[in-house]
Amino acid sequence: MLVRLLRRLVSADAIGLILVVSALQAFAYGISSSLRNTDTRYFFWVCLLAAWIAFGFSKRNLDGVSASLGMLALGILGVWILGAQLTAPLLDIGRAILAIVPQLGSGRR
């Protein structure tokens, strides 16, 4: 069993993923070291999320223009949510909806 696990870890896909994540970490560290007096604690995770979304767009077989427009739209939406300080109200709405969902299922007679 250990041999199978090691074979999976040494596969080309796994090594490629490790290399991509380490390159992304180096990129995030390089950018955050040049941004003095700013909060860059979550910069790597934001870069990882962006790479994950881009990977999802590539799996959907979108052409480059459509994927770029999708990333642009998600970026504008994210900046708008953070700039307007809508994060807490949107999370509160999500919690309220999740609290109501079980009540909707049990309300049938």
N, C-alpha and C. Protein backbone atom coordinates (compact mmCIF):
# COMPACT_ATOMS: atom_id res chain seq x y z
N MET A 1 0.82 -1.18 0.00
CA MET A 1 0.00 0.00 0.00
C MET A 1 0.87 1.25 0.00
N LEU A 2 1.94 1.23 0.74
CA LEU A 2 2.84 2.37 0.79
C LEU A 2 3.51 2.59 -0.57
N VAL A 3 3.78 1.49 -1.26
CA VAL A 3 4.41 1.60 -2.57
C VAL A 3 3.46 2.27 -3.56
N ARG A 4 2.16 1.91 -3.51
CA ARG A 4 1.19 2.55 -4.39
C ARG A 4 1.07 4.04 -4.10
N LEU A 5 1.09 4.41 -2.81
CA LEU A 5 1.02 5.81 -2.44
C LEU A 5 2.24 6.57 -2.95
N LEU A 6 3.41 5.97 -2.81
CA LEU A 6 4.62 6.62 -3.30
C LEU A 6 4.63 6.74 -4.83
N ARG A 7 4.09 5.75 -5.51
CA ARG A 7 4.00 5.84 -6.97
C ARG A 7 3.10 6.98 -7.40
N ARG A 8 2.02 7.17 -6.67
CA ARG A 8 1.12 8.28 -7.00
C ARG A 8 1.77 9.63 -6.70
N LEU A 9 2.54 9.69 -5.63
CA LEU A 9 3.20 10.94 -5.27
C LEU A 9 4.34 11.29 -6.22
N VAL A 10 4.91 10.30 -6.88
CA VAL A 10 6.03 10.52 -7.76
C VAL A 10 5.58 10.61 -9.22
N SER A 11 4.28 10.60 -9.46
CA SER A 11 3.80 10.70 -10.83
C SER A 11 4.08 12.09 -11.39
N ALA A 12 4.04 12.21 -12.69
CA ALA A 12 4.33 13.49 -13.35
C ALA A 12 3.30 14.55 -12.97
N ASP A 13 2.04 14.15 -12.81
CA ASP A 13 1.00 15.11 -12.43
C ASP A 13 1.24 15.67 -11.03
N ALA A 14 1.60 14.80 -10.11
CA ALA A 14 1.83 15.24 -8.73
C ALA A 14 3.06 16.14 -8.65
N ILE A 15 4.12 15.77 -9.33
CA ILE A 15 5.32 16.60 -9.30
C ILE A 15 5.05 17.94 -9.98
N GLY A 16 4.28 17.92 -11.06
CA GLY A 16 3.91 19.18 -11.72
C GLY A 16 3.10 20.08 -10.82
N LEU A 17 2.16 19.50 -10.08
CA LEU A 17 1.36 20.29 -9.15
C LEU A 17 2.22 20.88 -8.04
N ILE A 18 3.14 20.10 -7.53
CA ILE A 18 4.04 20.60 -6.49
C ILE A 18 4.90 21.74 -7.02
N LEU A 19 5.39 21.60 -8.25
CA LEU A 19 6.19 22.66 -8.86
C LEU A 19 5.38 23.93 -9.10
N VAL A 20 4.14 23.78 -9.53
CA VAL A 20 3.29 24.95 -9.75
C VAL A 20 3.01 25.67 -8.44
N VAL A 21 2.69 24.93 -7.40
CA VAL A 21 2.41 25.56 -6.10
C VAL A 21 3.66 26.23 -5.53
N SER A 22 4.82 25.60 -5.67
CA SER A 22 6.04 26.23 -5.16
C SER A 22 6.41 27.47 -5.98
N ALA A 23 6.18 27.44 -7.30
CA ALA A 23 6.42 28.63 -8.11
C ALA A 23 5.45 29.75 -7.74
N LEU A 24 4.21 29.38 -7.45
CA LEU A 24 3.22 30.37 -7.03
C LEU A 24 3.60 30.96 -5.68
N GLN A 25 4.12 30.14 -4.79
CA GLN A 25 4.58 30.63 -3.49
C GLN A 25 5.75 31.59 -3.66
N ALA A 26 6.68 31.27 -4.52
CA ALA A 26 7.81 32.17 -4.77
C ALA A 26 7.35 33.47 -5.40
N PHE A 27 6.39 33.38 -6.32
CA PHE A 27 5.84 34.58 -6.94
C PHE A 27 5.15 35.46 -5.90
N ALA A 28 4.32 34.86 -5.06
CA ALA A 28 3.62 35.62 -4.02
C ALA A 28 4.60 36.24 -3.03
N TYR A 29 5.64 35.50 -2.67
CA TYR A 29 6.64 36.05 -1.75
C TYR A 29 7.37 37.23 -2.39
N GLY A 30 7.72 37.11 -3.67
CA GLY A 30 8.41 38.19 -4.35
C GLY A 30 7.57 39.45 -4.46
N ILE A 31 6.30 39.29 -4.80
CA ILE A 31 5.42 40.45 -4.90
C ILE A 31 5.17 41.06 -3.52
N SER A 32 4.92 40.21 -2.53
CA SER A 32 4.61 40.76 -1.20
C SER A 32 5.83 41.41 -0.55
N SER A 33 7.04 40.99 -0.91
CA SER A 33 8.21 41.65 -0.33
C SER A 33 8.43 43.04 -0.92
N SER A 34 7.91 43.29 -2.11
CA SER A 34 8.05 44.62 -2.69
C SER A 34 6.91 45.55 -2.29
N LEU A 35 5.87 45.02 -1.68
CA LEU A 35 4.74 45.84 -1.23
C LEU A 35 4.90 46.13 0.26
N ARG A 36 5.60 47.16 0.55
CA ARG A 36 5.86 47.50 1.96
C ARG A 36 4.63 48.19 2.55
N ASN A 37 4.48 48.03 3.84
CA ASN A 37 3.39 48.65 4.61
C ASN A 37 2.00 48.23 4.10
N THR A 38 1.89 47.03 3.59
CA THR A 38 0.58 46.50 3.20
C THR A 38 0.40 45.13 3.82
N ASP A 39 -0.83 44.76 4.00
CA ASP A 39 -1.16 43.46 4.58
C ASP A 39 -1.17 42.42 3.46
N THR A 40 -0.19 41.55 3.45
CA THR A 40 -0.09 40.54 2.39
C THR A 40 -0.17 39.12 2.98
N ARG A 41 -0.86 38.97 4.11
CA ARG A 41 -0.96 37.65 4.73
C ARG A 41 -1.68 36.65 3.85
N TYR A 42 -2.70 37.10 3.15
CA TYR A 42 -3.53 36.18 2.37
C TYR A 42 -3.21 36.23 0.89
N PHE A 43 -2.11 36.86 0.51
CA PHE A 43 -1.80 37.04 -0.90
C PHE A 43 -1.56 35.69 -1.60
N PHE A 44 -0.86 34.78 -0.95
CA PHE A 44 -0.63 33.47 -1.55
C PHE A 44 -1.95 32.74 -1.77
N TRP A 45 -2.85 32.80 -0.80
CA TRP A 45 -4.11 32.08 -0.92
C TRP A 45 -4.98 32.70 -2.01
N VAL A 46 -4.91 34.01 -2.18
CA VAL A 46 -5.64 34.65 -3.27
C VAL A 46 -5.06 34.23 -4.61
N CYS A 47 -3.74 34.17 -4.70
CA CYS A 47 -3.09 33.71 -5.94
C CYS A 47 -3.44 32.25 -6.21
N LEU A 48 -3.49 31.43 -5.19
CA LEU A 48 -3.84 30.03 -5.36
C LEU A 48 -5.30 29.88 -5.82
N LEU A 49 -6.18 30.70 -5.26
CA LEU A 49 -7.58 30.69 -5.69
C LEU A 49 -7.71 31.12 -7.14
N ALA A 50 -6.97 32.15 -7.54
CA ALA A 50 -7.01 32.60 -8.93
C ALA A 50 -6.49 31.52 -9.87
N ALA A 51 -5.43 30.83 -9.48
CA ALA A 51 -4.90 29.75 -10.31
C ALA A 51 -5.90 28.60 -10.39
N TRP A 52 -6.59 28.31 -9.30
CA TRP A 52 -7.59 27.25 -9.29
C TRP A 52 -8.77 27.59 -10.20
N ILE A 53 -9.21 28.86 -10.17
CA ILE A 53 -10.31 29.29 -11.04
C ILE A 53 -9.86 29.23 -12.50
N ALA A 54 -8.65 29.68 -12.78
CA ALA A 54 -8.14 29.62 -14.14
C ALA A 54 -8.03 28.17 -14.63
N PHE A 55 -7.62 27.28 -13.73
CA PHE A 55 -7.55 25.86 -14.09
C PHE A 55 -8.95 25.32 -14.38
N GLY A 56 -9.94 25.76 -13.61
CA GLY A 56 -11.32 25.37 -13.87
C GLY A 56 -11.82 25.87 -15.21
N PHE A 57 -11.45 27.11 -15.57
CA PHE A 57 -11.82 27.64 -16.88
C PHE A 57 -11.16 26.85 -17.99
N SER A 58 -9.94 26.41 -17.78
CA SER A 58 -9.26 25.64 -18.82
C SER A 58 -9.90 24.26 -18.99
N LYS A 59 -10.41 23.70 -17.91
CA LYS A 59 -11.08 22.40 -17.99
C LYS A 59 -12.44 22.50 -18.69
N ARG A 60 -13.02 23.68 -18.71
CA ARG A 60 -14.30 23.88 -19.39
C ARG A 60 -14.11 24.14 -20.88
N ASN A 61 -12.88 24.06 -21.34
CA ASN A 61 -12.55 24.26 -22.76
C ASN A 61 -12.97 25.63 -23.28
N LEU A 62 -12.82 26.65 -22.44
CA LEU A 62 -13.09 28.01 -22.89
C LEU A 62 -11.88 28.53 -23.65
N ASP A 63 -12.14 29.37 -24.62
CA ASP A 63 -11.00 29.98 -25.30
C ASP A 63 -10.39 31.06 -24.41
N GLY A 64 -9.27 31.58 -24.81
CA GLY A 64 -8.53 32.52 -23.96
C GLY A 64 -9.29 33.79 -23.66
N VAL A 65 -10.02 34.31 -24.63
CA VAL A 65 -10.76 35.55 -24.43
C VAL A 65 -11.89 35.34 -23.42
N SER A 66 -12.63 34.26 -23.55
CA SER A 66 -13.73 33.99 -22.62
C SER A 66 -13.22 33.76 -21.20
N ALA A 67 -12.13 33.02 -21.07
CA ALA A 67 -11.56 32.79 -19.74
C ALA A 67 -11.05 34.08 -19.14
N SER A 68 -10.43 34.93 -19.95
CA SER A 68 -9.93 36.21 -19.44
C SER A 68 -11.08 37.11 -19.02
N LEU A 69 -12.15 37.12 -19.79
CA LEU A 69 -13.31 37.92 -19.41
C LEU A 69 -13.97 37.39 -18.14
N GLY A 70 -14.02 36.08 -17.99
CA GLY A 70 -14.54 35.50 -16.76
C GLY A 70 -13.70 35.86 -15.54
N MET A 71 -12.39 35.79 -15.69
CA MET A 71 -11.49 36.18 -14.59
C MET A 71 -11.64 37.67 -14.27
N LEU A 72 -11.77 38.49 -15.31
CA LEU A 72 -11.96 39.93 -15.11
C LEU A 72 -13.26 40.21 -14.37
N ALA A 73 -14.33 39.52 -14.76
CA ALA A 73 -15.62 39.72 -14.09
C ALA A 73 -15.55 39.27 -12.63
N LEU A 74 -14.91 38.13 -12.37
CA LEU A 74 -14.77 37.68 -10.98
C LEU A 74 -13.91 38.65 -10.17
N GLY A 75 -12.87 39.19 -10.79
CA GLY A 75 -12.01 40.16 -10.10
C GLY A 75 -12.75 41.44 -9.77
N ILE A 76 -13.51 41.95 -10.73
CA ILE A 76 -14.28 43.17 -10.49
C ILE A 76 -15.32 42.94 -9.40
N LEU A 77 -15.99 41.78 -9.46
CA LEU A 77 -16.98 41.45 -8.43
C LEU A 77 -16.32 41.35 -7.05
N GLY A 78 -15.15 40.72 -6.98
CA GLY A 78 -14.44 40.61 -5.70
C GLY A 78 -14.00 41.95 -5.15
N VAL A 79 -13.48 42.80 -6.01
CA VAL A 79 -13.05 44.14 -5.57
C VAL A 79 -14.25 44.95 -5.12
N TRP A 80 -15.37 44.83 -5.83
CA TRP A 80 -16.57 45.56 -5.45
C TRP A 80 -17.08 45.10 -4.09
N ILE A 81 -17.10 43.78 -3.87
CA ILE A 81 -17.57 43.25 -2.59
C ILE A 81 -16.66 43.71 -1.45
N LEU A 82 -15.36 43.64 -1.65
CA LEU A 82 -14.44 44.06 -0.60
C LEU A 82 -14.44 45.57 -0.42
N GLY A 83 -14.49 46.33 -1.52
CA GLY A 83 -14.48 47.79 -1.43
C GLY A 83 -15.72 48.35 -0.77
N ALA A 84 -16.86 47.74 -1.05
CA ALA A 84 -18.11 48.21 -0.45
C ALA A 84 -18.36 47.59 0.92
N GLN A 85 -17.42 46.80 1.40
CA GLN A 85 -17.50 46.13 2.70
C GLN A 85 -18.78 45.30 2.82
N LEU A 86 -19.02 44.52 1.77
CA LEU A 86 -20.21 43.67 1.75
C LEU A 86 -19.93 42.25 2.21
N THR A 87 -18.71 41.97 2.63
CA THR A 87 -18.36 40.61 3.01
C THR A 87 -19.18 40.12 4.19
N ALA A 88 -19.22 40.90 5.26
CA ALA A 88 -19.97 40.49 6.46
C ALA A 88 -21.47 40.37 6.19
N PRO A 89 -22.10 41.34 5.51
CA PRO A 89 -23.53 41.15 5.23
C PRO A 89 -23.83 39.94 4.33
N LEU A 90 -22.98 39.67 3.35
CA LEU A 90 -23.20 38.52 2.49
C LEU A 90 -23.02 37.21 3.26
N LEU A 91 -22.05 37.17 4.16
CA LEU A 91 -21.89 35.98 5.00
C LEU A 91 -23.07 35.80 5.94
N ASP A 92 -23.62 36.91 6.47
CA ASP A 92 -24.80 36.84 7.33
C ASP A 92 -26.01 36.31 6.56
N ILE A 93 -26.18 36.75 5.31
CA ILE A 93 -27.28 36.25 4.49
C ILE A 93 -27.10 34.75 4.25
N GLY A 94 -25.88 34.34 3.96
CA GLY A 94 -25.61 32.91 3.75
C GLY A 94 -25.93 32.08 4.99
N ARG A 95 -25.54 32.58 6.16
CA ARG A 95 -25.86 31.87 7.41
C ARG A 95 -27.36 31.79 7.64
N ALA A 96 -28.08 32.89 7.34
CA ALA A 96 -29.53 32.90 7.53
C ALA A 96 -30.21 31.91 6.59
N ILE A 97 -29.74 31.85 5.36
CA ILE A 97 -30.32 30.90 4.40
C ILE A 97 -30.04 29.47 4.84
N LEU A 98 -28.83 29.20 5.30
CA LEU A 98 -28.51 27.85 5.77
C LEU A 98 -29.30 27.47 7.01
N ALA A 99 -29.67 28.45 7.84
CA ALA A 99 -30.48 28.15 9.02
C ALA A 99 -31.93 27.87 8.64
N ILE A 100 -32.40 28.44 7.55
CA ILE A 100 -33.79 28.27 7.14
C ILE A 100 -34.00 26.98 6.35
N VAL A 101 -32.99 26.52 5.63
CA VAL A 101 -33.13 25.35 4.75
C VAL A 101 -33.68 24.12 5.47
N PRO A 102 -33.18 23.76 6.66
CA PRO A 102 -33.77 22.57 7.33
C PRO A 102 -35.24 22.77 7.70
N GLN A 103 -35.63 24.00 8.00
CA GLN A 103 -37.02 24.26 8.35
C GLN A 103 -37.92 24.13 7.14
N LEU A 104 -37.41 24.44 5.95
CA LEU A 104 -38.21 24.31 4.74
C LEU A 104 -38.48 22.85 4.42
N GLY A 105 -37.52 22.00 4.67
CA GLY A 105 -37.67 20.57 4.38
C GLY A 105 -38.65 19.89 5.32
N SER A 106 -38.70 20.34 6.57
CA SER A 106 -39.61 19.70 7.54
C SER A 106 -41.00 20.32 7.54
N GLY A 107 -41.23 21.36 6.78
CA GLY A 107 -42.51 22.04 6.77
C GLY A 107 -43.57 21.34 5.93
N ARG A 108 -43.24 20.34 5.17
CA ARG A 108 -44.21 19.63 4.34
C ARG A 108 -45.05 18.68 5.19
N ARG A 109 -46.32 18.59 4.84
CA ARG A 109 -47.21 17.71 5.59
C ARG A 109 -47.92 16.77 4.68
